[in-house]
Amino acid sequence: MTASDPNWGPLLITPNHPEYPSGHSTASGACAAVLAAYFGDQTAFSLTSELTAGVTRYYSSFSGAVDEVRDARVFGGIHFRSACLDGQALGRRVAAYILEHSLQRINGNGN
């Protein structure tokens, strides 16, 4: 639970879109879970973005990256933490379904 602070203000101009659940947290939760299933959660990687030229973000795990997404949505004033936590949980459930029902071998001999 996030403690209230009467002097707090969002870091961003809060966009007008649905608050619950956090779509970014849902998508990143699903992506991180699928990638962790294939490569292991403790896989280090880096990301760059056209929106932040010259900036590279480094992560030591997929779960660390998804936690940063969650915090960014809260700190930016876009979502309440519960929307992000529930979105991540939803994303993990979607990933579990995909891993169980999709991304399967075409036939039984490994081809």
PDB file of N, CA and C in Angstrom:
ATOM      1  N   MET A   1       0.846  -1.172   0.000  1.00  0.00           N
ATOM      2  CA  MET A   1       0.000   0.000   0.000  1.00  0.00           C
ATOM      3  C   MET A   1       0.897   1.243   0.000  1.00  0.00           C
ATOM      4  N   THR A   2       0.505   2.230  -0.744  1.00  0.00           N
ATOM      5  CA  THR A   2       1.257   3.479  -0.825  1.00  0.00           C
ATOM      6  C   THR A   2       0.738   4.451   0.228  1.00  0.00           C
ATOM      7  N   ALA A   3       1.631   4.961   1.060  1.00  0.00           N
ATOM      8  CA  ALA A   3       1.228   5.931   2.084  1.00  0.00           C
ATOM      9  C   ALA A   3       0.892   7.261   1.425  1.00  0.00           C
ATOM     10  N   SER A   4      -0.138   7.922   1.924  1.00  0.00           N
ATOM     11  CA  SER A   4      -0.546   9.204   1.331  1.00  0.00           C
ATOM     12  C   SER A   4       0.404  10.320   1.740  1.00  0.00           C
ATOM     13  N   ASP A   5       0.581  11.279   0.844  1.00  0.00           N
ATOM     14  CA  ASP A   5       1.414  12.454   1.088  1.00  0.00           C
ATOM     15  C   ASP A   5       0.683  13.643   0.470  1.00  0.00           C
ATOM     16  N   PRO A   6       0.157  14.555   1.264  1.00  0.00           N
ATOM     17  CA  PRO A   6      -0.629  15.670   0.724  1.00  0.00           C
ATOM     18  C   PRO A   6       0.179  16.606  -0.172  1.00  0.00           C
ATOM     19  N   ASN A   7       1.501  16.554  -0.107  1.00  0.00           N
ATOM     20  CA  ASN A   7       2.346  17.422  -0.933  1.00  0.00           C
ATOM     21  C   ASN A   7       2.836  16.753  -2.212  1.00  0.00           C
ATOM     22  N   TRP A   8       2.429  15.506  -2.434  1.00  0.00           N
ATOM     23  CA  TRP A   8       2.907  14.764  -3.592  1.00  0.00           C
ATOM     24  C   TRP A   8       2.221  15.235  -4.860  1.00  0.00           C
ATOM     25  N   GLY A   9       2.966  15.256  -5.950  1.00  0.00           N
ATOM     26  CA  GLY A   9       2.425  15.541  -7.270  1.00  0.00           C
ATOM     27  C   GLY A   9       3.082  14.619  -8.275  1.00  0.00           C
ATOM     28  N   PRO A  10       2.413  14.296  -9.372  1.00  0.00           N
ATOM     29  CA  PRO A  10       2.985  13.381 -10.360  1.00  0.00           C
ATOM     30  C   PRO A  10       4.196  13.994 -11.059  1.00  0.00           C
ATOM     31  N   LEU A  11       5.103  13.138 -11.507  1.00  0.00           N
ATOM     32  CA  LEU A  11       6.271  13.595 -12.255  1.00  0.00           C
ATOM     33  C   LEU A  11       5.915  13.950 -13.694  1.00  0.00           C
ATOM     34  N   LEU A  12       4.820  13.420 -14.177  1.00  0.00           N
ATOM     35  CA  LEU A  12       4.398  13.626 -15.563  1.00  0.00           C
ATOM     36  C   LEU A  12       3.038  14.304 -15.604  1.00  0.00           C
ATOM     37  N   ILE A  13       2.668  14.767 -16.767  1.00  0.00           N
ATOM     38  CA  ILE A  13       1.299  15.216 -16.980  1.00  0.00           C
ATOM     39  C   ILE A  13       0.486  13.938 -17.162  1.00  0.00           C
ATOM     40  N   THR A  14      -0.365  13.642 -16.203  1.00  0.00           N
ATOM     41  CA  THR A  14      -1.069  12.369 -16.187  1.00  0.00           C
ATOM     42  C   THR A  14      -2.032  12.266 -17.370  1.00  0.00           C
ATOM     43  N   PRO A  15      -1.847  11.235 -18.192  1.00  0.00           N
ATOM     44  CA  PRO A  15      -2.727  11.077 -19.356  1.00  0.00           C
ATOM     45  C   PRO A  15      -4.125  10.623 -18.946  1.00  0.00           C
ATOM     46  N   ASN A  16      -5.071  10.878 -19.819  1.00  0.00           N
ATOM     47  CA  ASN A  16      -6.452  10.487 -19.592  1.00  0.00           C
ATOM     48  C   ASN A  16      -6.687   9.111 -20.228  1.00  0.00           C
ATOM     49  N   HIS A  17      -6.465   8.066 -19.446  1.00  0.00           N
ATOM     50  CA  HIS A  17      -6.728   6.705 -19.917  1.00  0.00           C
ATOM     51  C   HIS A  17      -7.093   5.842 -18.724  1.00  0.00           C
ATOM     52  N   PRO A  18      -7.627   4.631 -18.972  1.00  0.00           N
ATOM     53  CA  PRO A  18      -8.055   3.773 -17.857  1.00  0.00           C
ATOM     54  C   PRO A  18      -6.914   3.495 -16.880  1.00  0.00           C
ATOM     55  N   GLU A  19      -7.250   3.505 -15.602  1.00  0.00           N
ATOM     56  CA  GLU A  19      -6.247   3.321 -14.553  1.00  0.00           C
ATOM     57  C   GLU A  19      -6.035   1.856 -14.203  1.00  0.00           C
ATOM     58  N   TYR A  20      -7.061   1.023 -14.299  1.00  0.00           N
ATOM     59  CA  TYR A  20      -6.986  -0.341 -13.761  1.00  0.00           C
ATOM     60  C   TYR A  20      -7.370  -1.368 -14.803  1.00  0.00           C
ATOM     61  N   PRO A  21      -6.618  -2.409 -14.964  1.00  0.00           N
ATOM     62  CA  PRO A  21      -5.258  -2.567 -14.453  1.00  0.00           C
ATOM     63  C   PRO A  21      -4.275  -1.808 -15.338  1.00  0.00           C
ATOM     64  N   SER A  22      -3.067  -1.693 -14.895  1.00  0.00           N
ATOM     65  CA  SER A  22      -2.029  -1.021 -15.682  1.00  0.00           C
ATOM     66  C   SER A  22      -1.678  -1.878 -16.893  1.00  0.00           C
ATOM     67  N   GLY A  23      -1.910  -1.334 -18.069  1.00  0.00           N
ATOM     68  CA  GLY A  23      -1.587  -2.073 -19.295  1.00  0.00           C
ATOM     69  C   GLY A  23      -0.096  -2.318 -19.449  1.00  0.00           C
ATOM     70  N   HIS A  24       0.723  -1.318 -19.104  1.00  0.00           N
ATOM     71  CA  HIS A  24       2.174  -1.503 -19.185  1.00  0.00           C
ATOM     72  C   HIS A  24       2.638  -2.609 -18.240  1.00  0.00           C
ATOM     73  N   SER A  25       2.084  -2.629 -17.041  1.00  0.00           N
ATOM     74  CA  SER A  25       2.467  -3.666 -16.083  1.00  0.00           C
ATOM     75  C   SER A  25       1.984  -5.041 -16.534  1.00  0.00           C
ATOM     76  N   THR A  26       0.815  -5.099 -17.148  1.00  0.00           N
ATOM     77  CA  THR A  26       0.301  -6.375 -17.648  1.00  0.00           C
ATOM     78  C   THR A  26       1.199  -6.906 -18.764  1.00  0.00           C
ATOM     79  N   ALA A  27       1.495  -6.064 -19.739  1.00  0.00           N
ATOM     80  CA  ALA A  27       2.320  -6.498 -20.873  1.00  0.00           C
ATOM     81  C   ALA A  27       3.739  -6.829 -20.433  1.00  0.00           C
ATOM     82  N   SER A  28       4.340  -5.983 -19.590  1.00  0.00           N
ATOM     83  CA  SER A  28       5.714  -6.256 -19.158  1.00  0.00           C
ATOM     84  C   SER A  28       5.764  -7.479 -18.250  1.00  0.00           C
ATOM     85  N   GLY A  29       4.741  -7.692 -17.446  1.00  0.00           N
ATOM     86  CA  GLY A  29       4.685  -8.887 -16.603  1.00  0.00           C
ATOM     87  C   GLY A  29       4.634 -10.155 -17.434  1.00  0.00           C
ATOM     88  N   ALA A  30       3.833 -10.122 -18.507  1.00  0.00           N
ATOM     89  CA  ALA A  30       3.745 -11.281 -19.395  1.00  0.00           C
ATOM     90  C   ALA A  30       5.070 -11.509 -20.126  1.00  0.00           C
ATOM     91  N   CYS A  31       5.634 -10.449 -20.661  1.00  0.00           N
ATOM     92  CA  CYS A  31       6.909 -10.570 -21.385  1.00  0.00           C
ATOM     93  C   CYS A  31       8.012 -11.100 -20.489  1.00  0.00           C
ATOM     94  N   ALA A  32       8.131 -10.542 -19.292  1.00  0.00           N
ATOM     95  CA  ALA A  32       9.184 -10.964 -18.372  1.00  0.00           C
ATOM     96  C   ALA A  32       9.019 -12.432 -17.992  1.00  0.00           C
ATOM     97  N   ALA A  33       7.785 -12.862 -17.786  1.00  0.00           N
ATOM     98  CA  ALA A  33       7.552 -14.258 -17.400  1.00  0.00           C
ATOM     99  C   ALA A  33       7.921 -15.219 -18.535  1.00  0.00           C
ATOM    100  N   VAL A  34       7.581 -14.869 -19.767  1.00  0.00           N
ATOM    101  CA  VAL A  34       7.937 -15.728 -20.904  1.00  0.00           C
ATOM    102  C   VAL A  34       9.452 -15.760 -21.093  1.00  0.00           C
ATOM    103  N   LEU A  35      10.085 -14.596 -21.056  1.00  0.00           N
ATOM    104  CA  LEU A  35      11.544 -14.548 -21.218  1.00  0.00           C
ATOM    105  C   LEU A  35      12.256 -15.297 -20.091  1.00  0.00           C
ATOM    106  N   ALA A  36      11.760 -15.151 -18.865  1.00  0.00           N
ATOM    107  CA  ALA A  36      12.366 -15.853 -17.733  1.00  0.00           C
ATOM    108  C   ALA A  36      12.203 -17.363 -17.866  1.00  0.00           C
ATOM    109  N   ALA A  37      11.082 -17.806 -18.434  1.00  0.00           N
ATOM    110  CA  ALA A  37      10.865 -19.242 -18.618  1.00  0.00           C
ATOM    111  C   ALA A  37      11.879 -19.835 -19.601  1.00  0.00           C
ATOM    112  N   TYR A  38      12.287 -19.058 -20.583  1.00  0.00           N
ATOM    113  CA  TYR A  38      13.222 -19.549 -21.599  1.00  0.00           C
ATOM    114  C   TYR A  38      14.683 -19.313 -21.242  1.00  0.00           C
ATOM    115  N   PHE A  39      14.983 -18.171 -20.624  1.00  0.00           N
ATOM    116  CA  PHE A  39      16.384 -17.799 -20.397  1.00  0.00           C
ATOM    117  C   PHE A  39      16.783 -17.780 -18.925  1.00  0.00           C
ATOM    118  N   GLY A  40      15.808 -17.883 -18.014  1.00  0.00           N
ATOM    119  CA  GLY A  40      16.065 -17.747 -16.585  1.00  0.00           C
ATOM    120  C   GLY A  40      15.907 -16.300 -16.184  1.00  0.00           C
ATOM    121  N   ASP A  41      15.333 -16.062 -15.021  1.00  0.00           N
ATOM    122  CA  ASP A  41      15.053 -14.684 -14.606  1.00  0.00           C
ATOM    123  C   ASP A  41      16.319 -13.865 -14.440  1.00  0.00           C
ATOM    124  N   GLN A  42      17.400 -14.474 -13.991  1.00  0.00           N
ATOM    125  CA  GLN A  42      18.628 -13.731 -13.686  1.00  0.00           C
ATOM    126  C   GLN A  42      19.484 -13.482 -14.926  1.00  0.00           C
ATOM    127  N   THR A  43      18.862 -13.266 -16.067  1.00  0.00           N
ATOM    128  CA  THR A  43      19.563 -12.954 -17.309  1.00  0.00           C
ATOM    129  C   THR A  43      19.771 -11.448 -17.400  1.00  0.00           C
ATOM    130  N   ALA A  44      21.028 -11.036 -17.535  1.00  0.00           N
ATOM    131  CA  ALA A  44      21.339  -9.609 -17.659  1.00  0.00           C
ATOM    132  C   ALA A  44      21.090  -9.148 -19.095  1.00  0.00           C
ATOM    133  N   PHE A  45      20.606  -7.922 -19.242  1.00  0.00           N
ATOM    134  CA  PHE A  45      20.375  -7.357 -20.567  1.00  0.00           C
ATOM    135  C   PHE A  45      20.342  -5.835 -20.470  1.00  0.00           C
ATOM    136  N   SER A  46      20.367  -5.190 -21.621  1.00  0.00           N
ATOM    137  CA  SER A  46      20.289  -3.728 -21.660  1.00  0.00           C
ATOM    138  C   SER A  46      19.288  -3.312 -22.722  1.00  0.00           C
ATOM    139  N   LEU A  47      18.751  -2.110 -22.564  1.00  0.00           N
ATOM    140  CA  LEU A  47      17.768  -1.556 -23.495  1.00  0.00           C
ATOM    141  C   LEU A  47      18.113  -0.114 -23.823  1.00  0.00           C
ATOM    142  N   THR A  48      17.847   0.251 -25.069  1.00  0.00           N
ATOM    143  CA  THR A  48      17.937   1.643 -25.481  1.00  0.00           C
ATOM    144  C   THR A  48      16.584   2.042 -26.059  1.00  0.00           C
ATOM    145  N   SER A  49      16.365   3.334 -26.194  1.00  0.00           N
ATOM    146  CA  SER A  49      15.103   3.829 -26.722  1.00  0.00           C
ATOM    147  C   SER A  49      15.355   5.038 -27.603  1.00  0.00           C
ATOM    148  N   GLU A  50      14.587   5.157 -28.659  1.00  0.00           N
ATOM    149  CA  GLU A  50      14.672   6.340 -29.511  1.00  0.00           C
ATOM    150  C   GLU A  50      14.217   7.588 -28.759  1.00  0.00           C
ATOM    151  N   LEU A  51      13.392   7.413 -27.750  1.00  0.00           N
ATOM    152  CA  LEU A  51      12.863   8.549 -26.990  1.00  0.00           C
ATOM    153  C   LEU A  51      13.879   9.127 -26.018  1.00  0.00           C
ATOM    154  N   THR A  52      14.878   8.331 -25.640  1.00  0.00           N
ATOM    155  CA  THR A  52      15.927   8.812 -24.732  1.00  0.00           C
ATOM    156  C   THR A  52      17.276   8.529 -25.379  1.00  0.00           C
ATOM    157  N   ALA A  53      17.571   9.245 -26.442  1.00  0.00           N
ATOM    158  CA  ALA A  53      18.797   9.019 -27.213  1.00  0.00           C
ATOM    159  C   ALA A  53      20.031   9.117 -26.319  1.00  0.00           C
ATOM    160  N   GLY A  54      20.923   8.150 -26.491  1.00  0.00           N
ATOM    161  CA  GLY A  54      22.161   8.139 -25.736  1.00  0.00           C
ATOM    162  C   GLY A  54      22.053   7.529 -24.346  1.00  0.00           C
ATOM    163  N   VAL A  55      20.854   7.091 -23.963  1.00  0.00           N
ATOM    164  CA  VAL A  55      20.658   6.491 -22.648  1.00  0.00           C
ATOM    165  C   VAL A  55      20.479   4.986 -22.820  1.00  0.00           C
ATOM    166  N   THR A  56      21.224   4.229 -22.066  1.00  0.00           N
ATOM    167  CA  THR A  56      21.086   2.773 -22.041  1.00  0.00           C
ATOM    168  C   THR A  56      20.747   2.350 -20.625  1.00  0.00           C
ATOM    169  N   ARG A  57      19.693   1.559 -20.484  1.00  0.00           N
ATOM    170  CA  ARG A  57      19.293   1.023 -19.179  1.00  0.00           C
ATOM    171  C   ARG A  57      19.835  -0.393 -19.084  1.00  0.00           C
ATOM    172  N   TYR A  58      20.425  -0.738 -17.951  1.00  0.00           N
ATOM    173  CA  TYR A  58      20.989  -2.059 -17.708  1.00  0.00           C
ATOM    174  C   TYR A  58      20.195  -2.749 -16.606  1.00  0.00           C
ATOM    175  N   TYR A  59      19.916  -4.023 -16.818  1.00  0.00           N
ATOM    176  CA  TYR A  59      19.153  -4.812 -15.859  1.00  0.00           C
ATOM    177  C   TYR A  59      19.878  -6.123 -15.591  1.00  0.00           C
ATOM    178  N   SER A  60      19.788  -6.596 -14.364  1.00  0.00           N
ATOM    179  CA  SER A  60      20.401  -7.878 -14.018  1.00  0.00           C
ATOM    180  C   SER A  60      19.392  -9.015 -14.064  1.00  0.00           C
ATOM    181  N   SER A  61      18.105  -8.674 -14.262  1.00  0.00           N
ATOM    182  CA  SER A  61      17.067  -9.704 -14.317  1.00  0.00           C
ATOM    183  C   SER A  61      15.831  -9.158 -15.030  1.00  0.00           C
ATOM    184  N   PHE A  62      15.001 -10.087 -15.521  1.00  0.00           N
ATOM    185  CA  PHE A  62      13.734  -9.682 -16.130  1.00  0.00           C
ATOM    186  C   PHE A  62      12.790  -9.129 -15.057  1.00  0.00           C
ATOM    187  N   SER A  63      12.804  -9.737 -13.876  1.00  0.00           N
ATOM    188  CA  SER A  63      11.924  -9.249 -12.806  1.00  0.00           C
ATOM    189  C   SER A  63      12.331  -7.845 -12.358  1.00  0.00           C
ATOM    190  N   GLY A  64      13.608  -7.532 -12.378  1.00  0.00           N
ATOM    191  CA  GLY A  64      14.052  -6.187 -12.037  1.00  0.00           C
ATOM    192  C   GLY A  64      13.543  -5.148 -13.019  1.00  0.00           C
ATOM    193  N   ALA A  65      13.537  -5.512 -14.293  1.00  0.00           N
ATOM    194  CA  ALA A  65      13.034  -4.592 -15.318  1.00  0.00           C
ATOM    195  C   ALA A  65      11.537  -4.357 -15.153  1.00  0.00           C
ATOM    196  N   VAL A  66      10.795  -5.410 -14.879  1.00  0.00           N
ATOM    197  CA  VAL A  66       9.345  -5.266 -14.736  1.00  0.00           C
ATOM    198  C   VAL A  66       9.010  -4.480 -13.456  1.00  0.00           C
ATOM    199  N   ASP A  67       9.822  -4.609 -12.430  1.00  0.00           N
ATOM    200  CA  ASP A  67       9.616  -3.800 -11.227  1.00  0.00           C
ATOM    201  C   ASP A  67       9.848  -2.321 -11.521  1.00  0.00           C
ATOM    202  N   GLU A  68      10.817  -2.016 -12.383  1.00  0.00           N
ATOM    203  CA  GLU A  68      11.056  -0.629 -12.759  1.00  0.00           C
ATOM    204  C   GLU A  68       9.869  -0.062 -13.553  1.00  0.00           C
ATOM    205  N   VAL A  69       9.279  -0.877 -14.415  1.00  0.00           N
ATOM    206  CA  VAL A  69       8.087  -0.442 -15.148  1.00  0.00           C
ATOM    207  C   VAL A  69       6.976  -0.098 -14.161  1.00  0.00           C
ATOM    208  N   ARG A  70       6.781  -0.982 -13.195  1.00  0.00           N
ATOM    209  CA  ARG A  70       5.737  -0.754 -12.189  1.00  0.00           C
ATOM    210  C   ARG A  70       5.972   0.566 -11.454  1.00  0.00           C
ATOM    211  N   ASP A  71       7.177   0.763 -10.965  1.00  0.00           N
ATOM    212  CA  ASP A  71       7.470   1.984 -10.208  1.00  0.00           C
ATOM    213  C   ASP A  71       7.330   3.232 -11.073  1.00  0.00           C
ATOM    214  N   ALA A  72       7.735   3.153 -12.329  1.00  0.00           N
ATOM    215  CA  ALA A  72       7.637   4.314 -13.215  1.00  0.00           C
ATOM    216  C   ALA A  72       6.185   4.739 -13.405  1.00  0.00           C
ATOM    217  N   ARG A  73       5.282   3.778 -13.501  1.00  0.00           N
ATOM    218  CA  ARG A  73       3.869   4.103 -13.682  1.00  0.00           C
ATOM    219  C   ARG A  73       3.299   4.773 -12.421  1.00  0.00           C
ATOM    220  N   VAL A  74       3.759   4.321 -11.254  1.00  0.00           N
ATOM    221  CA  VAL A  74       3.298   4.914  -9.997  1.00  0.00           C
ATOM    222  C   VAL A  74       3.918   6.298  -9.814  1.00  0.00           C
ATOM    223  N   PHE A  75       5.233   6.411  -9.955  1.00  0.00           N
ATOM    224  CA  PHE A  75       5.923   7.682  -9.741  1.00  0.00           C
ATOM    225  C   PHE A  75       5.487   8.741 -10.753  1.00  0.00           C
ATOM    226  N   GLY A  76       5.114   8.305 -11.941  1.00  0.00           N
ATOM    227  CA  GLY A  76       4.636   9.232 -12.955  1.00  0.00           C
ATOM    228  C   GLY A  76       3.214   9.710 -12.703  1.00  0.00           C
ATOM    229  N   GLY A  77       2.543   9.125 -11.710  1.00  0.00           N
ATOM    230  CA  GLY A  77       1.179   9.527 -11.386  1.00  0.00           C
ATOM    231  C   GLY A  77       0.147   8.960 -12.338  1.00  0.00           C
ATOM    232  N   ILE A  78       0.511   7.914 -13.057  1.00  0.00           N
ATOM    233  CA  ILE A  78      -0.383   7.341 -14.056  1.00  0.00           C
ATOM    234  C   ILE A  78      -1.269   6.263 -13.447  1.00  0.00           C
ATOM    235  N   HIS A  79      -0.729   5.497 -12.495  1.00  0.00           N
ATOM    236  CA  HIS A  79      -1.472   4.407 -11.865  1.00  0.00           C
ATOM    237  C   HIS A  79      -1.231   4.392 -10.364  1.00  0.00           C
ATOM    238  N   PHE A  80      -2.185   3.817  -9.655  1.00  0.00           N
ATOM    239  CA  PHE A  80      -1.963   3.451  -8.263  1.00  0.00           C
ATOM    240  C   PHE A  80      -1.168   2.156  -8.259  1.00  0.00           C
ATOM    241  N   ARG A  81      -0.417   1.910  -7.193  1.00  0.00           N
ATOM    242  CA  ARG A  81       0.419   0.707  -7.112  1.00  0.00           C
ATOM    243  C   ARG A  81      -0.414  -0.566  -7.274  1.00  0.00           C
ATOM    244  N   SER A  82      -1.614  -0.595  -6.724  1.00  0.00           N
ATOM    245  CA  SER A  82      -2.451  -1.799  -6.825  1.00  0.00           C
ATOM    246  C   SER A  82      -2.764  -2.132  -8.283  1.00  0.00           C
ATOM    247  N   ALA A  83      -2.958  -1.126  -9.121  1.00  0.00           N
ATOM    248  CA  ALA A  83      -3.224  -1.377 -10.541  1.00  0.00           C
ATOM    249  C   ALA A  83      -2.018  -2.003 -11.219  1.00  0.00           C
ATOM    250  N   CYS A  84      -0.828  -1.618 -10.781  1.00  0.00           N
ATOM    251  CA  CYS A  84       0.406  -2.170 -11.354  1.00  0.00           C
ATOM    252  C   CYS A  84       0.659  -3.580 -10.847  1.00  0.00           C
ATOM    253  N   LEU A  85       0.483  -3.802  -9.548  1.00  0.00           N
ATOM    254  CA  LEU A  85       0.675  -5.148  -8.999  1.00  0.00           C
ATOM    255  C   LEU A  85      -0.315  -6.133  -9.592  1.00  0.00           C
ATOM    256  N   ASP A  86      -1.579  -5.717  -9.694  1.00  0.00           N
ATOM    257  CA  ASP A  86      -2.588  -6.596 -10.278  1.00  0.00           C
ATOM    258  C   ASP A  86      -2.341  -6.806 -11.771  1.00  0.00           C
ATOM    259  N   GLY A  87      -1.855  -5.763 -12.460  1.00  0.00           N
ATOM    260  CA  GLY A  87      -1.508  -5.912 -13.874  1.00  0.00           C
ATOM    261  C   GLY A  87      -0.372  -6.902 -14.073  1.00  0.00           C
ATOM    262  N   GLN A  88       0.647  -6.826 -13.220  1.00  0.00           N
ATOM    263  CA  GLN A  88       1.758  -7.774 -13.324  1.00  0.00           C
ATOM    264  C   GLN A  88       1.274  -9.203 -13.078  1.00  0.00           C
ATOM    265  N   ALA A  89       0.409  -9.380 -12.085  1.00  0.00           N
ATOM    266  CA  ALA A  89      -0.131 -10.714 -11.800  1.00  0.00           C
ATOM    267  C   ALA A  89      -0.941 -11.235 -12.989  1.00  0.00           C
ATOM    268  N   LEU A  90      -1.748 -10.368 -13.590  1.00  0.00           N
ATOM    269  CA  LEU A  90      -2.508 -10.742 -14.777  1.00  0.00           C
ATOM    270  C   LEU A  90      -1.566 -11.134 -15.909  1.00  0.00           C
ATOM    271  N   GLY A  91      -0.515 -10.356 -16.117  1.00  0.00           N
ATOM    272  CA  GLY A  91       0.465 -10.671 -17.157  1.00  0.00           C
ATOM    273  C   GLY A  91       1.124 -12.023 -16.939  1.00  0.00           C
ATOM    274  N   ARG A  92       1.455 -12.337 -15.687  1.00  0.00           N
ATOM    275  CA  ARG A  92       2.056 -13.640 -15.392  1.00  0.00           C
ATOM    276  C   ARG A  92       1.087 -14.774 -15.692  1.00  0.00           C
ATOM    277  N   ARG A  93      -0.207 -14.566 -15.428  1.00  0.00           N
ATOM    278  CA  ARG A  93      -1.205 -15.603 -15.747  1.00  0.00           C
ATOM    279  C   ARG A  93      -1.347 -15.776 -17.256  1.00  0.00           C
ATOM    280  N   VAL A  94      -1.315 -14.679 -17.999  1.00  0.00           N
ATOM    281  CA  VAL A  94      -1.349 -14.763 -19.465  1.00  0.00           C
ATOM    282  C   VAL A  94      -0.130 -15.532 -19.964  1.00  0.00           C
ATOM    283  N   ALA A  95       1.045 -15.220 -19.420  1.00  0.00           N
ATOM    284  CA  ALA A  95       2.278 -15.908 -19.822  1.00  0.00           C
ATOM    285  C   ALA A  95       2.184 -17.396 -19.533  1.00  0.00           C
ATOM    286  N   ALA A  96       1.658 -17.764 -18.380  1.00  0.00           N
ATOM    287  CA  ALA A  96       1.521 -19.186 -18.033  1.00  0.00           C
ATOM    288  C   ALA A  96       0.627 -19.898 -19.044  1.00  0.00           C
ATOM    289  N   TYR A  97      -0.456 -19.246 -19.449  1.00  0.00           N
ATOM    290  CA  TYR A  97      -1.343 -19.831 -20.449  1.00  0.00           C
ATOM    291  C   TYR A  97      -0.622 -20.005 -21.785  1.00  0.00           C
ATOM    292  N   ILE A  98       0.079 -18.965 -22.210  1.00  0.00           N
ATOM    293  CA  ILE A  98       0.807 -19.017 -23.484  1.00  0.00           C
ATOM    294  C   ILE A  98       1.864 -20.118 -23.446  1.00  0.00           C
ATOM    295  N   LEU A  99       2.593 -20.201 -22.365  1.00  0.00           N
ATOM    296  CA  LEU A  99       3.645 -21.214 -22.255  1.00  0.00           C
ATOM    297  C   LEU A  99       3.068 -22.623 -22.249  1.00  0.00           C
ATOM    298  N   GLU A 100       1.862 -22.771 -21.711  1.00  0.00           N
ATOM    299  CA  GLU A 100       1.235 -24.093 -21.665  1.00  0.00           C
ATOM    300  C   GLU A 100       0.561 -24.473 -22.987  1.00  0.00           C
ATOM    301  N   HIS A 101      -0.006 -23.473 -23.693  1.00  0.00           N
ATOM    302  CA  HIS A 101      -0.821 -23.776 -24.865  1.00  0.00           C
ATOM    303  C   HIS A 101      -0.211 -23.356 -26.201  1.00  0.00           C
ATOM    304  N   SER A 102       0.787 -22.547 -26.188  1.00  0.00           N
ATOM    305  CA  SER A 102       1.405 -22.061 -27.420  1.00  0.00           C
ATOM    306  C   SER A 102       2.903 -22.306 -27.342  1.00  0.00           C
ATOM    307  N   LEU A 103       3.617 -21.818 -28.341  1.00  0.00           N
ATOM    308  CA  LEU A 103       5.059 -21.983 -28.377  1.00  0.00           C
ATOM    309  C   LEU A 103       5.453 -23.447 -28.208  1.00  0.00           C
ATOM    310  N   GLN A 104       4.589 -24.343 -28.708  1.00  0.00           N
ATOM    311  CA  GLN A 104       4.828 -25.776 -28.604  1.00  0.00           C
ATOM    312  C   GLN A 104       5.512 -26.283 -29.871  1.00  0.00           C
ATOM    313  N   ARG A 105       6.150 -27.411 -29.764  1.00  0.00           N
ATOM    314  CA  ARG A 105       6.757 -28.037 -30.934  1.00  0.00           C
ATOM    315  C   ARG A 105       5.664 -28.465 -31.914  1.00  0.00           C
ATOM    316  N   ILE A 106       5.984 -28.418 -33.189  1.00  0.00           N
ATOM    317  CA  ILE A 106       4.991 -28.771 -34.203  1.00  0.00           C
ATOM    318  C   ILE A 106       4.700 -30.264 -34.173  1.00  0.00           C
ATOM    319  N   ASN A 107       5.702 -31.104 -33.951  1.00  0.00           N
ATOM    320  CA  ASN A 107       5.489 -32.538 -33.840  1.00  0.00           C
ATOM    321  C   ASN A 107       6.330 -33.090 -32.705  1.00  0.00           C
ATOM    322  N   GLY A 108       6.150 -34.341 -32.411  1.00  0.00           N
ATOM    323  CA  GLY A 108       6.776 -34.923 -31.237  1.00  0.00           C
ATOM    324  C   GLY A 108       8.271 -35.216 -31.340  1.00  0.00           C
ATOM    325  N   ASN A 109       8.865 -35.088 -32.522  1.00  0.00           N
ATOM    326  CA  ASN A 109      10.270 -35.472 -32.633  1.00  0.00           C
ATOM    327  C   ASN A 109      11.231 -34.293 -32.468  1.00  0.00           C
ATOM    328  N   GLY A 110      10.732 -33.156 -32.019  1.00  0.00           N
ATOM    329  CA  GLY A 110      11.614 -32.018 -31.749  1.00  0.00           C
ATOM    330  C   GLY A 110      11.824 -31.100 -32.922  1.00  0.00           C
ATOM    331  N   ASN A 111      11.201 -31.344 -34.046  1.00  0.00           N
ATOM    332  CA  ASN A 111      11.340 -30.477 -35.225  1.00  0.00           C
ATOM    333  C   ASN A 111      10.220 -29.465 -35.289  1.00  0.00           C
TER     334      ASN A 111
END
